[in-house]
């Protein structure tokens, strides 16, 4: 495509509604960022690209984009808990090892509780967007200088594209090994929210029945609504796996070439 920018500050660049223009002008985030404004890369000068086009399809590059309508949390709760369970979610929960050292932050911890507020169970949900190779700042800045639906970036050097390999080897797999390993030792269920195109670049993971799964992969896509000219986060399917067999398959991906490659 001639333009790599799928969504800027929450809206496709073809969306010229008053709301879309206001979000671009004020650098706002419609997807439940920790503050009203976009803070991607820098709070004072954000790189407000939520998703990029790759082979004609929008690919999510910002993890905050997955927070639309809190769909991912609601979907994960159906895997973690029985129908009718009282639950809530906590974001960025710090995880420590048995010596008290930091392991990292869990994106979301879902907690079930009884009618007296006593905790009954908990589980983890990790969210993984993709890294970008090439120059994304160039087209973003050029577009923001003149926001127009006819924006064209064809023929530019270092055209941006998703780097699925780095995203899995340097981010996804290490997260599952470190934080996921502790959750597995505790006997707690885990879920990963990821885009379908990203999941399809991973090695084939052995699937099991939902009731036998302790690691579920929730695969989402962005679907353009023609009337509103906005993209909606939409659940494509859920892949049910076991943590240990999944990690064994993913580690083969890491071992296939050096981590720094």
C-alpha atoms as a PDB file:
ATOM      1  CA  UNK A   1       0.000   0.000   0.000  1.00  0.00           C
ATOM      2  CA  UNK A   2       1.080   3.594  -0.557  1.00  0.00           C
ATOM      3  CA  UNK A   3       0.461   4.520   3.081  1.00  0.00           C
ATOM      4  CA  UNK A   4       1.694   2.554   6.140  1.00  0.00           C
ATOM      5  CA  UNK A   5      -0.501   4.418   8.661  1.00  0.00           C
ATOM      6  CA  UNK A   6      -3.601   2.387   9.505  1.00  0.00           C
ATOM      7  CA  UNK A   7      -4.652   4.275  12.662  1.00  0.00           C
ATOM      8  CA  UNK A   8      -3.340   7.551  14.054  1.00  0.00           C
ATOM      9  CA  UNK A   9      -4.463   8.586  17.538  1.00  0.00           C
ATOM     10  CA  UNK A  10      -7.193   5.979  17.392  1.00  0.00           C
ATOM     11  CA  UNK A  11      -8.692   6.591  13.959  1.00  0.00           C
ATOM     12  CA  UNK A  12      -8.001   5.604  10.345  1.00  0.00           C
ATOM     13  CA  UNK A  13      -6.641   8.562   8.433  1.00  0.00           C
ATOM     14  CA  UNK A  14      -9.619   8.339   6.050  1.00  0.00           C
ATOM     15  CA  UNK A  15     -11.841   9.277   9.013  1.00  0.00           C
ATOM     16  CA  UNK A  16     -12.440  13.017   8.795  1.00  0.00           C
ATOM     17  CA  UNK A  17     -15.155  13.287  11.448  1.00  0.00           C
ATOM     18  CA  UNK A  18     -14.985  16.066  14.028  1.00  0.00           C
ATOM     19  CA  UNK A  19     -14.131  13.515  16.715  1.00  0.00           C
ATOM     20  CA  UNK A  20     -11.229  12.047  14.746  1.00  0.00           C
ATOM     21  CA  UNK A  21      -9.818  15.506  14.009  1.00  0.00           C
ATOM     22  CA  UNK A  22     -10.112  16.467  17.696  1.00  0.00           C
ATOM     23  CA  UNK A  23      -8.218  13.361  18.798  1.00  0.00           C
ATOM     24  CA  UNK A  24      -5.430  14.055  16.296  1.00  0.00           C
ATOM     25  CA  UNK A  25      -5.172  17.714  17.227  1.00  0.00           C
ATOM     26  CA  UNK A  26      -5.036  17.055  20.988  1.00  0.00           C
ATOM     27  CA  UNK A  27      -3.016  13.819  20.688  1.00  0.00           C
ATOM     28  CA  UNK A  28      -5.638  11.859  22.606  1.00  0.00           C
ATOM     29  CA  UNK A  29      -5.945   8.099  23.080  1.00  0.00           C
ATOM     30  CA  UNK A  30      -9.429   6.510  22.914  1.00  0.00           C
ATOM     31  CA  UNK A  31      -8.229   3.141  24.213  1.00  0.00           C
ATOM     32  CA  UNK A  32      -7.956   3.644  27.982  1.00  0.00           C
ATOM     33  CA  UNK A  33      -4.381   4.849  28.269  1.00  0.00           C
ATOM     34  CA  UNK A  34      -3.244   5.712  31.806  1.00  0.00           C
ATOM     35  CA  UNK A  35      -3.841   9.383  30.907  1.00  0.00           C
ATOM     36  CA  UNK A  36      -6.161  10.920  28.275  1.00  0.00           C
ATOM     37  CA  UNK A  37      -3.265  11.626  25.929  1.00  0.00           C
ATOM     38  CA  UNK A  38      -1.197   9.190  23.900  1.00  0.00           C
ATOM     39  CA  UNK A  39       2.161   8.536  25.570  1.00  0.00           C
ATOM     40  CA  UNK A  40       3.677   6.089  23.082  1.00  0.00           C
ATOM     41  CA  UNK A  41       7.484   6.500  22.940  1.00  0.00           C
ATOM     42  CA  UNK A  42       7.345   9.964  24.587  1.00  0.00           C
ATOM     43  CA  UNK A  43       4.688  11.697  26.655  1.00  0.00           C
ATOM     44  CA  UNK A  44       5.566  15.171  25.332  1.00  0.00           C
ATOM     45  CA  UNK A  45       5.912  14.114  21.690  1.00  0.00           C
ATOM     46  CA  UNK A  46       4.047  10.820  21.220  1.00  0.00           C
ATOM     47  CA  UNK A  47       4.336   8.550  18.200  1.00  0.00           C
ATOM     48  CA  UNK A  48       0.591   8.259  17.858  1.00  0.00           C
ATOM     49  CA  UNK A  49       0.425   5.272  15.495  1.00  0.00           C
ATOM     50  CA  UNK A  50      -1.863   2.529  16.829  1.00  0.00           C
ATOM     51  CA  UNK A  51      -1.544   0.181  13.857  1.00  0.00           C
ATOM     52  CA  UNK A  52       0.170  -0.024  10.483  1.00  0.00           C
ATOM     53  CA  UNK A  53      -0.811  -1.591   7.186  1.00  0.00           C
ATOM     54  CA  UNK A  54       1.021  -4.735   6.180  1.00  0.00           C
ATOM     55  CA  UNK A  55      -0.039  -6.634   3.084  1.00  0.00           C
ATOM     56  CA  UNK A  56      -3.278  -4.701   3.102  1.00  0.00           C
ATOM     57  CA  UNK A  57      -4.223  -5.562   6.702  1.00  0.00           C
ATOM     58  CA  UNK A  58      -3.917  -3.416   9.868  1.00  0.00           C
ATOM     59  CA  UNK A  59      -1.341  -4.696  12.365  1.00  0.00           C
ATOM     60  CA  UNK A  60      -1.399  -3.454  15.961  1.00  0.00           C
ATOM     61  CA  UNK A  61       1.872  -1.848  17.060  1.00  0.00           C
ATOM     62  CA  UNK A  62       0.765  -0.384  20.408  1.00  0.00           C
ATOM     63  CA  UNK A  63      -0.315  -2.613  23.311  1.00  0.00           C
ATOM     64  CA  UNK A  64      -2.750   0.041  24.542  1.00  0.00           C
ATOM     65  CA  UNK A  65      -4.724  -0.525  21.319  1.00  0.00           C
ATOM     66  CA  UNK A  66      -5.825  -3.886  22.735  1.00  0.00           C
ATOM     67  CA  UNK A  67      -7.741  -2.138  25.541  1.00  0.00           C
ATOM     68  CA  UNK A  68     -10.680  -1.181  23.343  1.00  0.00           C
ATOM     69  CA  UNK A  69     -13.909  -1.667  25.341  1.00  0.00           C
ATOM     70  CA  UNK A  70     -11.912  -3.928  27.696  1.00  0.00           C
ATOM     71  CA  UNK A  71     -12.824  -6.784  25.373  1.00  0.00           C
ATOM     72  CA  UNK A  72      -9.619  -8.718  26.092  1.00  0.00           C
ATOM     73  CA  UNK A  73     -10.228  -8.743  29.847  1.00  0.00           C
ATOM     74  CA  UNK A  74     -13.839  -9.814  29.475  1.00  0.00           C
ATOM     75  CA  UNK A  75     -12.928 -12.588  27.017  1.00  0.00           C
ATOM     76  CA  UNK A  76     -10.138 -13.884  29.259  1.00  0.00           C
ATOM     77  CA  UNK A  77     -12.458 -14.015  32.280  1.00  0.00           C
ATOM     78  CA  UNK A  78     -14.602 -16.609  30.482  1.00  0.00           C
ATOM     79  CA  UNK A  79     -11.547 -18.872  30.228  1.00  0.00           C
ATOM     80  CA  UNK A  80     -10.383 -18.299  33.784  1.00  0.00           C
ATOM     81  CA  UNK A  81     -13.623 -18.463  35.758  1.00  0.00           C
ATOM     82  CA  UNK A  82     -16.974 -20.242  35.760  1.00  0.00           C
ATOM     83  CA  UNK A  83     -20.091 -18.343  34.612  1.00  0.00           C
ATOM     84  CA  UNK A  84     -21.520 -16.129  37.327  1.00  0.00           C
ATOM     85  CA  UNK A  85     -18.167 -15.660  39.097  1.00  0.00           C
ATOM     86  CA  UNK A  86     -17.498 -12.244  40.605  1.00  0.00           C
ATOM     87  CA  UNK A  87     -14.208 -10.920  39.263  1.00  0.00           C
ATOM     88  CA  UNK A  88     -12.177  -7.800  38.690  1.00  0.00           C
ATOM     89  CA  UNK A  89      -8.870  -6.961  37.016  1.00  0.00           C
ATOM     90  CA  UNK A  90      -5.676  -5.204  38.059  1.00  0.00           C
ATOM     91  CA  UNK A  91      -3.193  -3.706  35.629  1.00  0.00           C
ATOM     92  CA  UNK A  92       0.612  -3.722  35.718  1.00  0.00           C
ATOM     93  CA  UNK A  93       0.950  -6.022  38.731  1.00  0.00           C
ATOM     94  CA  UNK A  94       4.548  -6.364  39.890  1.00  0.00           C
ATOM     95  CA  UNK A  95       5.807  -9.931  40.119  1.00  0.00           C
ATOM     96  CA  UNK A  96       8.742 -10.966  42.306  1.00  0.00           C
ATOM     97  CA  UNK A  97      10.671 -14.202  42.652  1.00  0.00           C
ATOM     98  CA  UNK A  98      11.049 -16.145  45.915  1.00  0.00           C
ATOM     99  CA  UNK A  99      14.047 -14.006  46.888  1.00  0.00           C
ATOM    100  CA  UNK A 100      12.055 -10.813  46.458  1.00  0.00           C
ATOM    101  CA  UNK A 101      13.776  -9.786  43.246  1.00  0.00           C
ATOM    102  CA  UNK A 102      11.732  -8.196  40.442  1.00  0.00           C
ATOM    103  CA  UNK A 103      10.671 -10.455  37.573  1.00  0.00           C
ATOM    104  CA  UNK A 104       8.522  -7.955  35.719  1.00  0.00           C
ATOM    105  CA  UNK A 105       4.994  -6.627  35.591  1.00  0.00           C
ATOM    106  CA  UNK A 106       2.037  -8.762  34.582  1.00  0.00           C
ATOM    107  CA  UNK A 107      -0.113  -6.784  32.164  1.00  0.00           C
ATOM    108  CA  UNK A 108      -3.363  -7.829  33.845  1.00  0.00           C
ATOM    109  CA  UNK A 109      -4.206 -10.031  36.789  1.00  0.00           C
ATOM    110  CA  UNK A 110      -7.824 -11.149  36.920  1.00  0.00           C
ATOM    111  CA  UNK A 111      -9.062 -11.913  40.422  1.00  0.00           C
ATOM    112  CA  UNK A 112     -12.210 -13.797  41.417  1.00  0.00           C
ATOM    113  CA  UNK A 113     -13.831 -13.122  44.804  1.00  0.00           C
ATOM    114  CA  UNK A 114     -16.848 -14.127  46.860  1.00  0.00           C
ATOM    115  CA  UNK A 115     -19.781 -11.988  48.027  1.00  0.00           C
ATOM    116  CA  UNK A 116     -17.766 -10.911  51.055  1.00  0.00           C
ATOM    117  CA  UNK A 117     -14.840  -9.698  48.937  1.00  0.00           C
ATOM    118  CA  UNK A 118     -12.515 -12.576  49.766  1.00  0.00           C
ATOM    119  CA  UNK A 119     -10.127 -13.574  46.965  1.00  0.00           C
ATOM    120  CA  UNK A 120     -10.823 -17.030  45.572  1.00  0.00           C
ATOM    121  CA  UNK A 121      -8.490 -17.327  42.604  1.00  0.00           C
ATOM    122  CA  UNK A 122      -6.421 -15.328  40.140  1.00  0.00           C
ATOM    123  CA  UNK A 123      -4.928 -15.657  36.663  1.00  0.00           C
ATOM    124  CA  UNK A 124      -2.753 -13.621  34.300  1.00  0.00           C
ATOM    125  CA  UNK A 125      -3.318 -11.977  30.929  1.00  0.00           C
ATOM    126  CA  UNK A 126      -0.409 -10.758  28.818  1.00  0.00           C
ATOM    127  CA  UNK A 127      -0.811  -8.484  25.799  1.00  0.00           C
ATOM    128  CA  UNK A 128       1.667  -8.488  22.918  1.00  0.00           C
ATOM    129  CA  UNK A 129       1.760  -5.995  20.058  1.00  0.00           C
ATOM    130  CA  UNK A 130       4.558  -6.112  17.466  1.00  0.00           C
ATOM    131  CA  UNK A 131       7.807  -4.253  16.980  1.00  0.00           C
ATOM    132  CA  UNK A 132       8.324  -2.281  13.790  1.00  0.00           C
ATOM    133  CA  UNK A 133      11.326  -2.371  11.480  1.00  0.00           C
ATOM    134  CA  UNK A 134      12.023   0.560   9.219  1.00  0.00           C
ATOM    135  CA  UNK A 135      11.141   4.214   9.726  1.00  0.00           C
ATOM    136  CA  UNK A 136       7.702   4.828  11.260  1.00  0.00           C
ATOM    137  CA  UNK A 137       8.459   8.284  12.636  1.00  0.00           C
ATOM    138  CA  UNK A 138       9.023   9.726   9.171  1.00  0.00           C
ATOM    139  CA  UNK A 139       5.563   9.024   7.720  1.00  0.00           C
ATOM    140  CA  UNK A 140       3.870   9.866  11.025  1.00  0.00           C
ATOM    141  CA  UNK A 141       5.469  13.305  11.240  1.00  0.00           C
ATOM    142  CA  UNK A 142       4.842  13.991   7.572  1.00  0.00           C
ATOM    143  CA  UNK A 143       1.184  13.072   7.954  1.00  0.00           C
ATOM    144  CA  UNK A 144       0.715  15.188  11.094  1.00  0.00           C
ATOM    145  CA  UNK A 145       2.096  18.227   9.284  1.00  0.00           C
ATOM    146  CA  UNK A 146      -0.717  17.866   6.768  1.00  0.00           C
ATOM    147  CA  UNK A 147      -3.386  15.365   7.944  1.00  0.00           C
ATOM    148  CA  UNK A 148      -5.172  14.293   4.786  1.00  0.00           C
ATOM    149  CA  UNK A 149      -6.875  11.069   3.664  1.00  0.00           C
ATOM    150  CA  UNK A 150      -4.760  11.257   0.499  1.00  0.00           C
ATOM    151  CA  UNK A 151      -1.493  10.929   2.428  1.00  0.00           C
ATOM    152  CA  UNK A 152       1.058   9.020   0.345  1.00  0.00           C
ATOM    153  CA  UNK A 153       4.357   7.491   1.460  1.00  0.00           C
ATOM    154  CA  UNK A 154       5.077   5.275  -1.509  1.00  0.00           C
ATOM    155  CA  UNK A 155       8.655   4.964  -2.677  1.00  0.00           C
ATOM    156  CA  UNK A 156      10.115   6.012   0.692  1.00  0.00           C
ATOM    157  CA  UNK A 157      13.266   4.394   2.040  1.00  0.00           C
ATOM    158  CA  UNK A 158      13.027   2.098   5.073  1.00  0.00           C
ATOM    159  CA  UNK A 159       9.284   1.614   4.616  1.00  0.00           C
ATOM    160  CA  UNK A 160       7.937   0.425   8.014  1.00  0.00           C
ATOM    161  CA  UNK A 161       6.730  -3.128   8.478  1.00  0.00           C
ATOM    162  CA  UNK A 162       6.052  -5.444  11.456  1.00  0.00           C
ATOM    163  CA  UNK A 163       9.021  -7.375  12.836  1.00  0.00           C
ATOM    164  CA  UNK A 164       7.311 -10.534  14.010  1.00  0.00           C
ATOM    165  CA  UNK A 165      10.512 -12.476  14.666  1.00  0.00           C
ATOM    166  CA  UNK A 166      11.961  -9.926  17.086  1.00  0.00           C
ATOM    167  CA  UNK A 167       8.570  -9.518  18.722  1.00  0.00           C
ATOM    168  CA  UNK A 168       8.371 -13.207  19.527  1.00  0.00           C
ATOM    169  CA  UNK A 169      12.021 -13.985  20.319  1.00  0.00           C
ATOM    170  CA  UNK A 170      12.911 -10.856  22.255  1.00  0.00           C
ATOM    171  CA  UNK A 171       9.598 -10.121  23.927  1.00  0.00           C
ATOM    172  CA  UNK A 172       6.901 -12.787  23.878  1.00  0.00           C
ATOM    173  CA  UNK A 173       8.970 -15.898  24.634  1.00  0.00           C
ATOM    174  CA  UNK A 174      11.098 -14.319  27.407  1.00  0.00           C
ATOM    175  CA  UNK A 175       7.907 -13.030  29.057  1.00  0.00           C
ATOM    176  CA  UNK A 176       6.369 -16.487  29.015  1.00  0.00           C
ATOM    177  CA  UNK A 177       9.552 -18.036  30.416  1.00  0.00           C
ATOM    178  CA  UNK A 178      10.007 -15.589  33.303  1.00  0.00           C
ATOM    179  CA  UNK A 179       6.560 -14.495  34.409  1.00  0.00           C
ATOM    180  CA  UNK A 180       4.758 -17.467  32.900  1.00  0.00           C
ATOM    181  CA  UNK A 181       7.037 -19.920  34.668  1.00  0.00           C
ATOM    182  CA  UNK A 182       6.063 -18.529  38.063  1.00  0.00           C
ATOM    183  CA  UNK A 183       2.366 -18.613  37.224  1.00  0.00           C
ATOM    184  CA  UNK A 184       2.779 -22.229  36.106  1.00  0.00           C
ATOM    185  CA  UNK A 185       4.451 -23.183  39.402  1.00  0.00           C
ATOM    186  CA  UNK A 186       1.510 -21.620  41.213  1.00  0.00           C
ATOM    187  CA  UNK A 187      -0.873 -23.695  39.110  1.00  0.00           C
ATOM    188  CA  UNK A 188      -2.617 -20.615  37.700  1.00  0.00           C
ATOM    189  CA  UNK A 189      -4.126 -20.211  34.267  1.00  0.00           C
ATOM    190  CA  UNK A 190      -2.624 -17.795  31.750  1.00  0.00           C
ATOM    191  CA  UNK A 191      -3.844 -16.062  28.607  1.00  0.00           C
ATOM    192  CA  UNK A 192      -2.147 -14.113  25.840  1.00  0.00           C
ATOM    193  CA  UNK A 193      -3.934 -11.489  23.737  1.00  0.00           C
ATOM    194  CA  UNK A 194      -2.272 -11.283  20.357  1.00  0.00           C
ATOM    195  CA  UNK A 195      -3.194 -10.502  16.783  1.00  0.00           C
ATOM    196  CA  UNK A 196      -3.993 -13.378  14.419  1.00  0.00           C
ATOM    197  CA  UNK A 197      -1.252 -12.447  11.935  1.00  0.00           C
ATOM    198  CA  UNK A 198       1.345 -12.469  14.730  1.00  0.00           C
ATOM    199  CA  UNK A 199       0.196 -15.850  16.040  1.00  0.00           C
ATOM    200  CA  UNK A 200       0.422 -17.310  12.532  1.00  0.00           C
ATOM    201  CA  UNK A 201       4.181 -16.584  12.491  1.00  0.00           C
ATOM    202  CA  UNK A 202       4.750 -18.776  15.565  1.00  0.00           C
ATOM    203  CA  UNK A 203       5.517 -22.498  15.427  1.00  0.00           C
ATOM    204  CA  UNK A 204       2.465 -24.734  15.490  1.00  0.00           C
ATOM    205  CA  UNK A 205       1.393 -25.146  19.114  1.00  0.00           C
ATOM    206  CA  UNK A 206      -0.239 -28.414  20.249  1.00  0.00           C
ATOM    207  CA  UNK A 207      -3.902 -27.712  20.978  1.00  0.00           C
ATOM    208  CA  UNK A 208      -5.947 -29.281  23.749  1.00  0.00           C
ATOM    209  CA  UNK A 209      -9.556 -29.167  24.908  1.00  0.00           C
ATOM    210  CA  UNK A 210     -10.525 -25.958  26.763  1.00  0.00           C
ATOM    211  CA  UNK A 211     -10.984 -27.825  30.041  1.00  0.00           C
ATOM    212  CA  UNK A 212      -7.421 -29.205  29.793  1.00  0.00           C
ATOM    213  CA  UNK A 213      -5.795 -25.894  28.928  1.00  0.00           C
ATOM    214  CA  UNK A 214      -3.732 -23.718  31.250  1.00  0.00           C
ATOM    215  CA  UNK A 215      -2.558 -21.286  28.524  1.00  0.00           C
ATOM    216  CA  UNK A 216      -5.061 -19.841  26.049  1.00  0.00           C
ATOM    217  CA  UNK A 217      -4.235 -17.627  23.076  1.00  0.00           C
ATOM    218  CA  UNK A 218      -6.883 -15.033  22.237  1.00  0.00           C
ATOM    219  CA  UNK A 219      -6.463 -14.010  18.613  1.00  0.00           C
ATOM    220  CA  UNK A 220      -7.823 -10.621  17.583  1.00  0.00           C
ATOM    221  CA  UNK A 221      -8.116  -8.619  14.374  1.00  0.00           C
ATOM    222  CA  UNK A 222      -9.017  -5.040  13.468  1.00  0.00           C
ATOM    223  CA  UNK A 223     -12.163  -4.848  11.385  1.00  0.00           C
ATOM    224  CA  UNK A 224     -13.135  -1.619   9.607  1.00  0.00           C
ATOM    225  CA  UNK A 225     -16.723  -0.479  10.072  1.00  0.00           C
ATOM    226  CA  UNK A 226     -17.755   1.115   6.808  1.00  0.00           C
ATOM    227  CA  UNK A 227     -20.427   3.394   8.304  1.00  0.00           C
ATOM    228  CA  UNK A 228     -18.423   4.829  11.206  1.00  0.00           C
ATOM    229  CA  UNK A 229     -15.002   4.586   9.532  1.00  0.00           C
ATOM    230  CA  UNK A 230     -13.419   3.194  12.686  1.00  0.00           C
ATOM    231  CA  UNK A 231     -11.639  -0.088  13.252  1.00  0.00           C
ATOM    232  CA  UNK A 232     -13.059  -2.439  15.856  1.00  0.00           C
ATOM    233  CA  UNK A 233     -11.024  -4.929  17.846  1.00  0.00           C
ATOM    234  CA  UNK A 234     -12.677  -8.270  17.109  1.00  0.00           C
ATOM    235  CA  UNK A 235     -12.005 -11.712  18.569  1.00  0.00           C
ATOM    236  CA  UNK A 236     -11.183 -14.136  15.776  1.00  0.00           C
ATOM    237  CA  UNK A 237     -10.707 -17.351  17.742  1.00  0.00           C
ATOM    238  CA  UNK A 238      -9.213 -18.850  20.905  1.00  0.00           C
ATOM    239  CA  UNK A 239      -6.424 -21.436  20.784  1.00  0.00           C
ATOM    240  CA  UNK A 240      -6.270 -23.639  23.889  1.00  0.00           C
ATOM    241  CA  UNK A 241      -2.854 -25.065  24.770  1.00  0.00           C
ATOM    242  CA  UNK A 242      -0.758 -26.303  27.675  1.00  0.00           C
ATOM    243  CA  UNK A 243       2.011 -24.099  29.022  1.00  0.00           C
ATOM    244  CA  UNK A 244       4.840 -26.641  28.944  1.00  0.00           C
ATOM    245  CA  UNK A 245       4.212 -27.987  25.428  1.00  0.00           C
ATOM    246  CA  UNK A 246       3.722 -24.451  24.087  1.00  0.00           C
ATOM    247  CA  UNK A 247       6.952 -23.258  25.642  1.00  0.00           C
ATOM    248  CA  UNK A 248       8.821 -26.231  24.193  1.00  0.00           C
ATOM    249  CA  UNK A 249       7.606 -25.325  20.687  1.00  0.00           C
ATOM    250  CA  UNK A 250       8.370 -21.622  21.161  1.00  0.00           C
ATOM    251  CA  UNK A 251      11.860 -22.323  22.486  1.00  0.00           C
ATOM    252  CA  UNK A 252      12.665 -24.080  19.224  1.00  0.00           C
ATOM    253  CA  UNK A 253      11.995 -20.738  17.542  1.00  0.00           C
ATOM    254  CA  UNK A 254      14.458 -19.001  19.861  1.00  0.00           C
ATOM    255  CA  UNK A 255      17.082 -21.709  19.362  1.00  0.00           C
ATOM    256  CA  UNK A 256      16.837 -21.483  15.579  1.00  0.00           C
ATOM    257  CA  UNK A 257      18.940 -18.296  15.543  1.00  0.00           C
ATOM    258  CA  UNK A 258      20.712 -16.055  18.093  1.00  0.00           C
ATOM    259  CA  UNK A 259      18.545 -13.759  20.209  1.00  0.00           C
ATOM    260  CA  UNK A 260      20.379 -10.741  18.910  1.00  0.00           C
ATOM    261  CA  UNK A 261      19.639 -11.621  15.290  1.00  0.00           C
END
